[in-house]
C-alpha atoms as a PDB file:
ATOM      1  CA  UNK A   1     -33.712  28.689 -26.540  1.00  0.00           C
ATOM      2  CA  UNK A   2     -31.096  29.221 -23.842  1.00  0.00           C
ATOM      3  CA  UNK A   3     -27.978  27.959 -24.196  1.00  0.00           C
ATOM      4  CA  UNK A   4     -25.255  26.737 -21.326  1.00  0.00           C
ATOM      5  CA  UNK A   5     -23.448  29.643 -21.158  1.00  0.00           C
ATOM      6  CA  UNK A   6     -26.954  31.899 -21.059  1.00  0.00           C
ATOM      7  CA  UNK A   7     -28.063  30.159 -17.691  1.00  0.00           C
ATOM      8  CA  UNK A   8     -28.438  32.003 -14.624  1.00  0.00           C
ATOM      9  CA  UNK A   9     -25.583  31.715 -11.925  1.00  0.00           C
ATOM     10  CA  UNK A  10     -25.762  29.267  -9.929  1.00  0.00           C
ATOM     11  CA  UNK A  11     -26.500  31.152  -6.384  1.00  0.00           C
ATOM     12  CA  UNK A  12     -29.732  32.591  -8.347  1.00  0.00           C
ATOM     13  CA  UNK A  13     -30.541  28.911  -9.257  1.00  0.00           C
ATOM     14  CA  UNK A  14     -30.319  27.373  -5.593  1.00  0.00           C
ATOM     15  CA  UNK A  15     -32.081  31.072  -4.216  1.00  0.00           C
ATOM     16  CA  UNK A  16     -34.690  30.463  -6.696  1.00  0.00           C
ATOM     17  CA  UNK A  17     -35.431  26.468  -5.859  1.00  0.00           C
ATOM     18  CA  UNK A  18     -34.784  27.077  -2.495  1.00  0.00           C
ATOM     19  CA  UNK A  19     -31.271  24.604  -2.562  1.00  0.00           C
ATOM     20  CA  UNK A  20     -30.010  24.209   0.432  1.00  0.00           C
ATOM     21  CA  UNK A  21     -27.486  22.039   0.925  1.00  0.00           C
ATOM     22  CA  UNK A  22     -28.344  19.080   2.932  1.00  0.00           C
ATOM     23  CA  UNK A  23     -25.529  17.300   5.577  1.00  0.00           C
ATOM     24  CA  UNK A  24     -27.475  14.123   5.516  1.00  0.00           C
ATOM     25  CA  UNK A  25     -27.140  13.451   1.446  1.00  0.00           C
ATOM     26  CA  UNK A  26     -23.616  14.654   1.883  1.00  0.00           C
ATOM     27  CA  UNK A  27     -23.847  17.946  -0.255  1.00  0.00           C
ATOM     28  CA  UNK A  28     -21.578  20.549  -1.061  1.00  0.00           C
ATOM     29  CA  UNK A  29     -22.425  22.711  -3.947  1.00  0.00           C
ATOM     30  CA  UNK A  30     -19.123  23.814  -5.689  1.00  0.00           C
ATOM     31  CA  UNK A  31     -20.707  26.966  -7.533  1.00  0.00           C
ATOM     32  CA  UNK A  32     -17.375  28.632  -9.020  1.00  0.00           C
ATOM     33  CA  UNK A  33     -17.882  28.032 -12.314  1.00  0.00           C
ATOM     34  CA  UNK A  34     -14.462  28.588 -13.224  1.00  0.00           C
ATOM     35  CA  UNK A  35     -13.181  25.340 -10.701  1.00  0.00           C
ATOM     36  CA  UNK A  36     -16.273  23.333 -12.383  1.00  0.00           C
ATOM     37  CA  UNK A  37     -14.809  23.885 -15.657  1.00  0.00           C
ATOM     38  CA  UNK A  38     -11.073  22.929 -14.651  1.00  0.00           C
ATOM     39  CA  UNK A  39     -12.285  19.455 -13.022  1.00  0.00           C
ATOM     40  CA  UNK A  40     -14.294  18.997 -16.823  1.00  0.00           C
ATOM     41  CA  UNK A  41     -10.723  19.426 -18.672  1.00  0.00           C
ATOM     42  CA  UNK A  42      -9.468  17.127 -16.062  1.00  0.00           C
ATOM     43  CA  UNK A  43     -11.500  14.380 -17.283  1.00  0.00           C
ATOM     44  CA  UNK A  44     -10.046  14.603 -20.536  1.00  0.00           C
ATOM     45  CA  UNK A  45     -11.638  14.766 -24.078  1.00  0.00           C
ATOM     46  CA  UNK A  46     -15.551  14.213 -23.930  1.00  0.00           C
ATOM     47  CA  UNK A  47     -16.254  14.780 -27.493  1.00  0.00           C
ATOM     48  CA  UNK A  48     -16.486  11.388 -28.227  1.00  0.00           C
ATOM     49  CA  UNK A  49     -17.542   9.984 -24.503  1.00  0.00           C
ATOM     50  CA  UNK A  50     -20.739   9.482 -22.883  1.00  0.00           C
ATOM     51  CA  UNK A  51     -20.397  10.704 -19.448  1.00  0.00           C
ATOM     52  CA  UNK A  52     -21.748   9.645 -16.434  1.00  0.00           C
ATOM     53  CA  UNK A  53     -21.997  11.986 -13.074  1.00  0.00           C
ATOM     54  CA  UNK A  54     -23.185  10.995  -9.812  1.00  0.00           C
ATOM     55  CA  UNK A  55     -24.782  13.958  -7.611  1.00  0.00           C
ATOM     56  CA  UNK A  56     -24.944  16.738  -9.909  1.00  0.00           C
ATOM     57  CA  UNK A  57     -26.722  19.088  -7.291  1.00  0.00           C
ATOM     58  CA  UNK A  58     -27.693  22.363  -8.621  1.00  0.00           C
ATOM     59  CA  UNK A  59     -25.428  20.775 -12.149  1.00  0.00           C
ATOM     60  CA  UNK A  60     -22.464  23.615 -11.558  1.00  0.00           C
ATOM     61  CA  UNK A  61     -19.924  20.412 -13.082  1.00  0.00           C
ATOM     62  CA  UNK A  62     -22.890  19.095 -15.441  1.00  0.00           C
ATOM     63  CA  UNK A  63     -22.873  22.789 -16.846  1.00  0.00           C
ATOM     64  CA  UNK A  64     -18.825  22.372 -17.118  1.00  0.00           C
ATOM     65  CA  UNK A  65     -19.118  18.942 -18.956  1.00  0.00           C
ATOM     66  CA  UNK A  66     -21.561  19.705 -21.191  1.00  0.00           C
ATOM     67  CA  UNK A  67     -19.567  22.962 -21.746  1.00  0.00           C
ATOM     68  CA  UNK A  68     -16.527  20.916 -22.431  1.00  0.00           C
ATOM     69  CA  UNK A  69     -18.405  19.381 -25.478  1.00  0.00           C
ATOM     70  CA  UNK A  70     -19.430  15.853 -23.870  1.00  0.00           C
ATOM     71  CA  UNK A  71     -21.201  13.551 -26.166  1.00  0.00           C
ATOM     72  CA  UNK A  72     -23.612  13.036 -23.492  1.00  0.00           C
ATOM     73  CA  UNK A  73     -24.053  13.239 -19.898  1.00  0.00           C
ATOM     74  CA  UNK A  74     -26.074  11.018 -17.285  1.00  0.00           C
ATOM     75  CA  UNK A  75     -26.485  12.896 -14.374  1.00  0.00           C
ATOM     76  CA  UNK A  76     -27.938  10.374 -11.312  1.00  0.00           C
ATOM     77  CA  UNK A  77     -29.880  12.253  -8.306  1.00  0.00           C
ATOM     78  CA  UNK A  78     -31.440  11.707  -5.277  1.00  0.00           C
ATOM     79  CA  UNK A  79     -32.222  14.784  -4.000  1.00  0.00           C
ATOM     80  CA  UNK A  80     -35.551  15.693  -5.887  1.00  0.00           C
ATOM     81  CA  UNK A  81     -35.235  18.950  -5.155  1.00  0.00           C
ATOM     82  CA  UNK A  82     -32.459  19.531  -7.632  1.00  0.00           C
ATOM     83  CA  UNK A  83     -34.089  18.300 -10.564  1.00  0.00           C
ATOM     84  CA  UNK A  84     -36.006  21.398 -11.838  1.00  0.00           C
ATOM     85  CA  UNK A  85     -32.578  22.953 -11.687  1.00  0.00           C
ATOM     86  CA  UNK A  86     -30.986  20.485 -13.826  1.00  0.00           C
ATOM     87  CA  UNK A  87     -34.385  20.233 -16.404  1.00  0.00           C
ATOM     88  CA  UNK A  88     -33.311  23.689 -17.331  1.00  0.00           C
ATOM     89  CA  UNK A  89     -29.919  22.563 -18.058  1.00  0.00           C
ATOM     90  CA  UNK A  90     -31.301  19.852 -20.133  1.00  0.00           C
ATOM     91  CA  UNK A  91     -33.227  22.680 -21.778  1.00  0.00           C
ATOM     92  CA  UNK A  92     -30.350  24.237 -23.020  1.00  0.00           C
ATOM     93  CA  UNK A  93     -28.286  21.597 -24.456  1.00  0.00           C
ATOM     94  CA  UNK A  94     -31.191  19.235 -26.274  1.00  0.00           C
ATOM     95  CA  UNK A  95     -30.558  15.531 -26.560  1.00  0.00           C
ATOM     96  CA  UNK A  96     -27.172  15.822 -24.748  1.00  0.00           C
ATOM     97  CA  UNK A  97     -28.163  15.243 -20.972  1.00  0.00           C
ATOM     98  CA  UNK A  98     -29.728  12.403 -19.064  1.00  0.00           C
ATOM     99  CA  UNK A  99     -31.038  13.163 -15.753  1.00  0.00           C
ATOM    100  CA  UNK A 100     -32.352  10.271 -13.531  1.00  0.00           C
ATOM    101  CA  UNK A 101     -33.742  10.372 -10.180  1.00  0.00           C
ATOM    102  CA  UNK A 102     -32.473   7.301  -7.724  1.00  0.00           C
ATOM    103  CA  UNK A 103     -30.210   6.706  -5.712  1.00  0.00           C
ATOM    104  CA  UNK A 104     -26.707   6.290  -7.221  1.00  0.00           C
ATOM    105  CA  UNK A 105     -25.939   3.118  -5.186  1.00  0.00           C
ATOM    106  CA  UNK A 106     -28.763   1.001  -6.306  1.00  0.00           C
ATOM    107  CA  UNK A 107     -29.450   2.178 -10.031  1.00  0.00           C
ATOM    108  CA  UNK A 108     -28.935   0.418 -13.257  1.00  0.00           C
ATOM    109  CA  UNK A 109     -27.397   2.396 -15.565  1.00  0.00           C
ATOM    110  CA  UNK A 110     -26.296  -0.094 -17.975  1.00  0.00           C
ATOM    111  CA  UNK A 111     -29.134   1.117 -20.341  1.00  0.00           C
ATOM    112  CA  UNK A 112     -28.176   4.722 -20.560  1.00  0.00           C
ATOM    113  CA  UNK A 113     -24.870   4.884 -21.225  1.00  0.00           C
ATOM    114  CA  UNK A 114     -22.875   3.859 -24.708  1.00  0.00           C
ATOM    115  CA  UNK A 115     -18.869   3.535 -24.260  1.00  0.00           C
ATOM    116  CA  UNK A 116     -16.841   4.730 -24.552  1.00  0.00           C
ATOM    117  CA  UNK A 117     -17.674   5.765 -20.761  1.00  0.00           C
ATOM    118  CA  UNK A 118     -15.690   8.250 -18.316  1.00  0.00           C
ATOM    119  CA  UNK A 119     -17.249   9.361 -15.057  1.00  0.00           C
ATOM    120  CA  UNK A 120     -16.638  12.570 -13.745  1.00  0.00           C
ATOM    121  CA  UNK A 121     -18.446  13.720 -10.203  1.00  0.00           C
ATOM    122  CA  UNK A 122     -18.181  16.055  -7.247  1.00  0.00           C
ATOM    123  CA  UNK A 123     -19.661  12.471  -5.148  1.00  0.00           C
ATOM    124  CA  UNK A 124     -21.347  13.193  -2.035  1.00  0.00           C
ATOM    125  CA  UNK A 125     -18.870  12.160   0.950  1.00  0.00           C
ATOM    126  CA  UNK A 126     -21.267  10.095   2.368  1.00  0.00           C
ATOM    127  CA  UNK A 127     -21.102   7.357   0.079  1.00  0.00           C
ATOM    128  CA  UNK A 128     -17.516   8.283  -2.603  1.00  0.00           C
ATOM    129  CA  UNK A 129     -15.571   5.884  -1.227  1.00  0.00           C
ATOM    130  CA  UNK A 130     -18.119   2.884  -1.575  1.00  0.00           C
ATOM    131  CA  UNK A 131     -18.864   4.019  -5.394  1.00  0.00           C
ATOM    132  CA  UNK A 132     -14.777   4.047  -5.895  1.00  0.00           C
ATOM    133  CA  UNK A 133     -14.591   0.742  -4.102  1.00  0.00           C
ATOM    134  CA  UNK A 134     -17.521  -0.523  -6.302  1.00  0.00           C
ATOM    135  CA  UNK A 135     -15.855   0.917  -9.991  1.00  0.00           C
ATOM    136  CA  UNK A 136     -12.314  -0.254  -8.939  1.00  0.00           C
ATOM    137  CA  UNK A 137     -13.897  -3.915  -8.026  1.00  0.00           C
ATOM    138  CA  UNK A 138     -16.436  -5.367 -11.262  1.00  0.00           C
ATOM    139  CA  UNK A 139     -16.715  -8.648 -11.527  1.00  0.00           C
ATOM    140  CA  UNK A 140     -14.686  -8.707 -14.938  1.00  0.00           C
ATOM    141  CA  UNK A 141     -11.644  -6.164 -15.858  1.00  0.00           C
ATOM    142  CA  UNK A 142     -11.485  -3.767 -17.991  1.00  0.00           C
ATOM    143  CA  UNK A 143     -14.601  -2.238 -16.405  1.00  0.00           C
ATOM    144  CA  UNK A 144     -17.497  -0.360 -18.397  1.00  0.00           C
ATOM    145  CA  UNK A 145     -15.597   2.705 -18.185  1.00  0.00           C
ATOM    146  CA  UNK A 146     -12.528   4.616 -19.407  1.00  0.00           C
ATOM    147  CA  UNK A 147     -11.589   6.923 -16.417  1.00  0.00           C
ATOM    148  CA  UNK A 148     -12.638   8.631 -13.606  1.00  0.00           C
ATOM    149  CA  UNK A 149     -12.200  12.245 -12.090  1.00  0.00           C
ATOM    150  CA  UNK A 150     -13.732  12.237  -9.083  1.00  0.00           C
ATOM    151  CA  UNK A 151     -13.731  14.714  -6.092  1.00  0.00           C
ATOM    152  CA  UNK A 152     -13.103  13.582  -2.618  1.00  0.00           C
ATOM    153  CA  UNK A 153     -11.699  14.912   0.766  1.00  0.00           C
ATOM    154  CA  UNK A 154      -8.356  15.387   0.906  1.00  0.00           C
ATOM    155  CA  UNK A 155      -7.690  12.575   2.852  1.00  0.00           C
ATOM    156  CA  UNK A 156      -9.305  10.187   0.801  1.00  0.00           C
ATOM    157  CA  UNK A 157      -7.642  11.393  -2.204  1.00  0.00           C
ATOM    158  CA  UNK A 158      -4.370  10.792  -0.577  1.00  0.00           C
ATOM    159  CA  UNK A 159      -5.207   7.042   0.580  1.00  0.00           C
ATOM    160  CA  UNK A 160      -6.271   6.186  -3.433  1.00  0.00           C
ATOM    161  CA  UNK A 161      -2.529   7.938  -4.508  1.00  0.00           C
ATOM    162  CA  UNK A 162      -0.298   6.857  -1.393  1.00  0.00           C
ATOM    163  CA  UNK A 163       2.714   4.702  -1.732  1.00  0.00           C
ATOM    164  CA  UNK A 164       4.241   1.917   0.475  1.00  0.00           C
ATOM    165  CA  UNK A 165       5.860   3.163   3.442  1.00  0.00           C
ATOM    166  CA  UNK A 166       3.534   6.545   3.267  1.00  0.00           C
ATOM    167  CA  UNK A 167       0.721   6.749   6.250  1.00  0.00           C
ATOM    168  CA  UNK A 168      -1.954   6.603   4.156  1.00  0.00           C
ATOM    169  CA  UNK A 169      -0.805   3.635   1.931  1.00  0.00           C
ATOM    170  CA  UNK A 170      -3.658   0.585   2.611  1.00  0.00           C
ATOM    171  CA  UNK A 171      -6.126  -1.251   1.151  1.00  0.00           C
ATOM    172  CA  UNK A 172      -7.833   1.900  -1.319  1.00  0.00           C
ATOM    173  CA  UNK A 173      -4.306   2.745  -2.787  1.00  0.00           C
ATOM    174  CA  UNK A 174      -3.936  -0.879  -3.547  1.00  0.00           C
ATOM    175  CA  UNK A 175      -7.538  -1.545  -4.983  1.00  0.00           C
ATOM    176  CA  UNK A 176      -6.562   1.731  -7.388  1.00  0.00           C
ATOM    177  CA  UNK A 177      -3.263   1.479  -8.110  1.00  0.00           C
ATOM    178  CA  UNK A 178      -3.432  -2.268  -9.119  1.00  0.00           C
ATOM    179  CA  UNK A 179      -5.651  -1.942 -11.903  1.00  0.00           C
ATOM    180  CA  UNK A 180      -5.447   2.533 -12.426  1.00  0.00           C
ATOM    181  CA  UNK A 181      -2.971   4.971 -12.942  1.00  0.00           C
ATOM    182  CA  UNK A 182      -4.100   7.531 -10.194  1.00  0.00           C
ATOM    183  CA  UNK A 183      -3.011  11.059  -9.587  1.00  0.00           C
ATOM    184  CA  UNK A 184      -4.236  14.016  -7.715  1.00  0.00           C
ATOM    185  CA  UNK A 185      -4.844  16.678 -10.384  1.00  0.00           C
ATOM    186  CA  UNK A 186      -6.497  19.716  -8.391  1.00  0.00           C
ATOM    187  CA  UNK A 187      -6.908  20.757  -4.778  1.00  0.00           C
ATOM    188  CA  UNK A 188      -9.849  22.846  -3.175  1.00  0.00           C
ATOM    189  CA  UNK A 189      -9.936  24.744  -0.176  1.00  0.00           C
ATOM    190  CA  UNK A 190     -12.986  24.433   1.744  1.00  0.00           C
ATOM    191  CA  UNK A 191     -14.195  28.228   0.998  1.00  0.00           C
ATOM    192  CA  UNK A 192     -14.681  26.809  -2.205  1.00  0.00           C
ATOM    193  CA  UNK A 193     -17.612  24.878  -1.402  1.00  0.00           C
ATOM    194  CA  UNK A 194     -21.528  26.375  -0.180  1.00  0.00           C
ATOM    195  CA  UNK A 195     -21.565  25.275   2.632  1.00  0.00           C
ATOM    196  CA  UNK A 196     -17.667  24.820   3.315  1.00  0.00           C
ATOM    197  CA  UNK A 197     -16.887  21.556   4.512  1.00  0.00           C
ATOM    198  CA  UNK A 198     -14.332  21.288   7.386  1.00  0.00           C
ATOM    199  CA  UNK A 199     -11.784  19.748   5.547  1.00  0.00           C
ATOM    200  CA  UNK A 200     -10.037  20.534   2.139  1.00  0.00           C
ATOM    201  CA  UNK A 201     -11.051  18.176  -0.874  1.00  0.00           C
ATOM    202  CA  UNK A 202      -8.781  17.029  -3.789  1.00  0.00           C
ATOM    203  CA  UNK A 203      -9.600  15.885  -7.106  1.00  0.00           C
ATOM    204  CA  UNK A 204      -8.481  12.128  -8.250  1.00  0.00           C
ATOM    205  CA  UNK A 205      -8.239  11.319 -12.037  1.00  0.00           C
ATOM    206  CA  UNK A 206      -8.092   7.426 -12.481  1.00  0.00           C
ATOM    207  CA  UNK A 207      -7.178   5.967 -15.978  1.00  0.00           C
ATOM    208  CA  UNK A 208      -8.100   2.456 -16.045  1.00  0.00           C
ATOM    209  CA  UNK A 209      -5.202  -0.147 -17.073  1.00  0.00           C
ATOM    210  CA  UNK A 210      -5.792  -2.492 -20.008  1.00  0.00           C
ATOM    211  CA  UNK A 211      -5.056  -5.632 -17.570  1.00  0.00           C
ATOM    212  CA  UNK A 212      -3.778  -5.296 -13.792  1.00  0.00           C
ATOM    213  CA  UNK A 213      -0.309  -4.465 -13.101  1.00  0.00           C
ATOM    214  CA  UNK A 214       0.373  -7.884 -11.665  1.00  0.00           C
ATOM    215  CA  UNK A 215      -1.566 -11.079 -11.998  1.00  0.00           C
ATOM    216  CA  UNK A 216      -3.526 -12.175  -9.158  1.00  0.00           C
ATOM    217  CA  UNK A 217      -6.942 -13.804  -7.689  1.00  0.00           C
ATOM    218  CA  UNK A 218      -8.871  -9.979  -6.936  1.00  0.00           C
ATOM    219  CA  UNK A 219     -11.105 -12.223  -4.184  1.00  0.00           C
ATOM    220  CA  UNK A 220      -7.761 -13.327  -2.809  1.00  0.00           C
ATOM    221  CA  UNK A 221      -5.932 -10.078  -2.770  1.00  0.00           C
ATOM    222  CA  UNK A 222      -8.566  -8.391  -1.526  1.00  0.00           C
ATOM    223  CA  UNK A 223      -8.975 -10.458   1.564  1.00  0.00           C
ATOM    224  CA  UNK A 224      -5.202 -10.147   2.243  1.00  0.00           C
ATOM    225  CA  UNK A 225      -4.892  -6.645   2.003  1.00  0.00           C
ATOM    226  CA  UNK A 226      -8.173  -6.355   3.719  1.00  0.00           C
ATOM    227  CA  UNK A 227      -6.409  -8.558   6.809  1.00  0.00           C
ATOM    228  CA  UNK A 228      -3.205  -7.331   6.645  1.00  0.00           C
ATOM    229  CA  UNK A 229      -4.376  -3.611   7.327  1.00  0.00           C
ATOM    230  CA  UNK A 230      -7.085  -4.391   9.232  1.00  0.00           C
ATOM    231  CA  UNK A 231      -4.666  -4.705  11.693  1.00  0.00           C
ATOM    232  CA  UNK A 232      -1.866  -2.604  10.447  1.00  0.00           C
ATOM    233  CA  UNK A 233       0.149  -2.287  13.703  1.00  0.00           C
ATOM    234  CA  UNK A 234       0.541  -6.373  13.726  1.00  0.00           C
ATOM    235  CA  UNK A 235       3.146  -8.264  12.075  1.00  0.00           C
ATOM    236  CA  UNK A 236       1.815 -10.134   8.842  1.00  0.00           C
ATOM    237  CA  UNK A 237       2.907 -13.124  10.438  1.00  0.00           C
ATOM    238  CA  UNK A 238      -0.145 -12.292  12.832  1.00  0.00           C
ATOM    239  CA  UNK A 239      -2.734 -10.646  11.130  1.00  0.00           C
ATOM    240  CA  UNK A 240      -2.650 -12.785   8.478  1.00  0.00           C
ATOM    241  CA  UNK A 241      -2.618 -16.197  10.477  1.00  0.00           C
ATOM    242  CA  UNK A 242      -6.609 -16.688  10.118  1.00  0.00           C
ATOM    243  CA  UNK A 243      -5.808 -17.191   6.464  1.00  0.00           C
ATOM    244  CA  UNK A 244      -3.671 -19.711   6.221  1.00  0.00           C
ATOM    245  CA  UNK A 245      -2.304 -21.933   9.464  1.00  0.00           C
ATOM    246  CA  UNK A 246       1.473 -21.935   7.101  1.00  0.00           C
ATOM    247  CA  UNK A 247       1.368 -18.301   6.428  1.00  0.00           C
ATOM    248  CA  UNK A 248       4.881 -17.708   6.823  1.00  0.00           C
ATOM    249  CA  UNK A 249       5.895 -19.930   4.381  1.00  0.00           C
ATOM    250  CA  UNK A 250       3.502 -18.321   1.656  1.00  0.00           C
ATOM    251  CA  UNK A 251       5.032 -14.508   3.015  1.00  0.00           C
ATOM    252  CA  UNK A 252       8.737 -16.339   2.256  1.00  0.00           C
ATOM    253  CA  UNK A 253       7.698 -17.587  -0.902  1.00  0.00           C
ATOM    254  CA  UNK A 254       6.500 -13.985  -1.847  1.00  0.00           C
ATOM    255  CA  UNK A 255       9.473 -12.030  -0.553  1.00  0.00           C
ATOM    256  CA  UNK A 256       8.589 -11.274   2.292  1.00  0.00           C
ATOM    257  CA  UNK A 257       9.825 -10.739   6.058  1.00  0.00           C
ATOM    258  CA  UNK A 258       7.565 -12.544   8.472  1.00  0.00           C
ATOM    259  CA  UNK A 259       7.829  -9.997  10.893  1.00  0.00           C
ATOM    260  CA  UNK A 260       7.145  -6.832   8.450  1.00  0.00           C
ATOM    261  CA  UNK A 261       3.917  -4.725   8.818  1.00  0.00           C
ATOM    262  CA  UNK A 262       1.212  -4.329   5.998  1.00  0.00           C
ATOM    263  CA  UNK A 263       2.183  -0.591   5.295  1.00  0.00           C
ATOM    264  CA  UNK A 264       6.022  -1.284   4.130  1.00  0.00           C
ATOM    265  CA  UNK A 265       4.534  -4.068   1.673  1.00  0.00           C
ATOM    266  CA  UNK A 266       4.487  -3.229  -1.929  1.00  0.00           C
ATOM    267  CA  UNK A 267       1.490  -3.965  -4.687  1.00  0.00           C
ATOM    268  CA  UNK A 268       3.979  -6.075  -6.367  1.00  0.00           C
ATOM    269  CA  UNK A 269       4.474  -8.633  -3.194  1.00  0.00           C
ATOM    270  CA  UNK A 270       1.102  -8.306  -2.266  1.00  0.00           C
ATOM    271  CA  UNK A 271       0.172  -9.650  -5.563  1.00  0.00           C
ATOM    272  CA  UNK A 272       2.961 -12.389  -5.040  1.00  0.00           C
ATOM    273  CA  UNK A 273       1.093 -13.420  -1.427  1.00  0.00           C
ATOM    274  CA  UNK A 274      -1.927 -13.819  -3.405  1.00  0.00           C
ATOM    275  CA  UNK A 275      -0.581 -16.053  -5.951  1.00  0.00           C
ATOM    276  CA  UNK A 276       0.921 -18.325  -3.678  1.00  0.00           C
ATOM    277  CA  UNK A 277      -2.004 -18.880  -1.530  1.00  0.00           C
ATOM    278  CA  UNK A 278      -4.061 -19.497  -4.772  1.00  0.00           C
ATOM    279  CA  UNK A 279      -2.002 -22.513  -5.506  1.00  0.00           C
END
């Protein structure tokens, strides 16, 4: 029986199974197994965890996760062409890889994962941000996962880790940093991928906090942040007027100058504003 280390090079696997990357599926394959091993290591100790991988493609990162000792990997793949290559990996790691054919936005994974759970993926670019927002905004917190180690376009990664006053500070940074520690752990140039995308990529590692950094109602906070950044060049007293007619009183209570813009407001004060509106 083949072992993970005995599997053929990914380029050979792609050629044998005819796995040309499809733009419609947001596919850019990462073939360098040294890089996929780095991403797997960035996810931390996997030996006692189930790992959820979205969009494994021909299985480069899948191999890295298994080689790093992941207890069990659940890989969700929409492209049926990739399934034979993934099943070859499953045969080389008996009982440690479950391959699920389906759309990650709709498939139910509850019965396939045993806590603790870590998510690690080179996310398809066309659904990456939507998946991240879903994972950051579950009905209950803490979530079903302990950490996320995810590949994004560089600009999306910068939006996740941005700080107040920076041009990328916005809704995504607030959603991520309210409930997580977030940092960029690896940068990759376009030529690392097949085919090369037009932009650089980065791997972001997010660790779930036991509780949000500051108390706030999630729905109200999300609404305030969305309204503030949807019209980010407007003063907050104008962009938030649709939320409450006496918005200037709430802004003052939260320690926010009504003439400020959303990009200058830190997480603490956004949460304070959400609490004021809740009252």
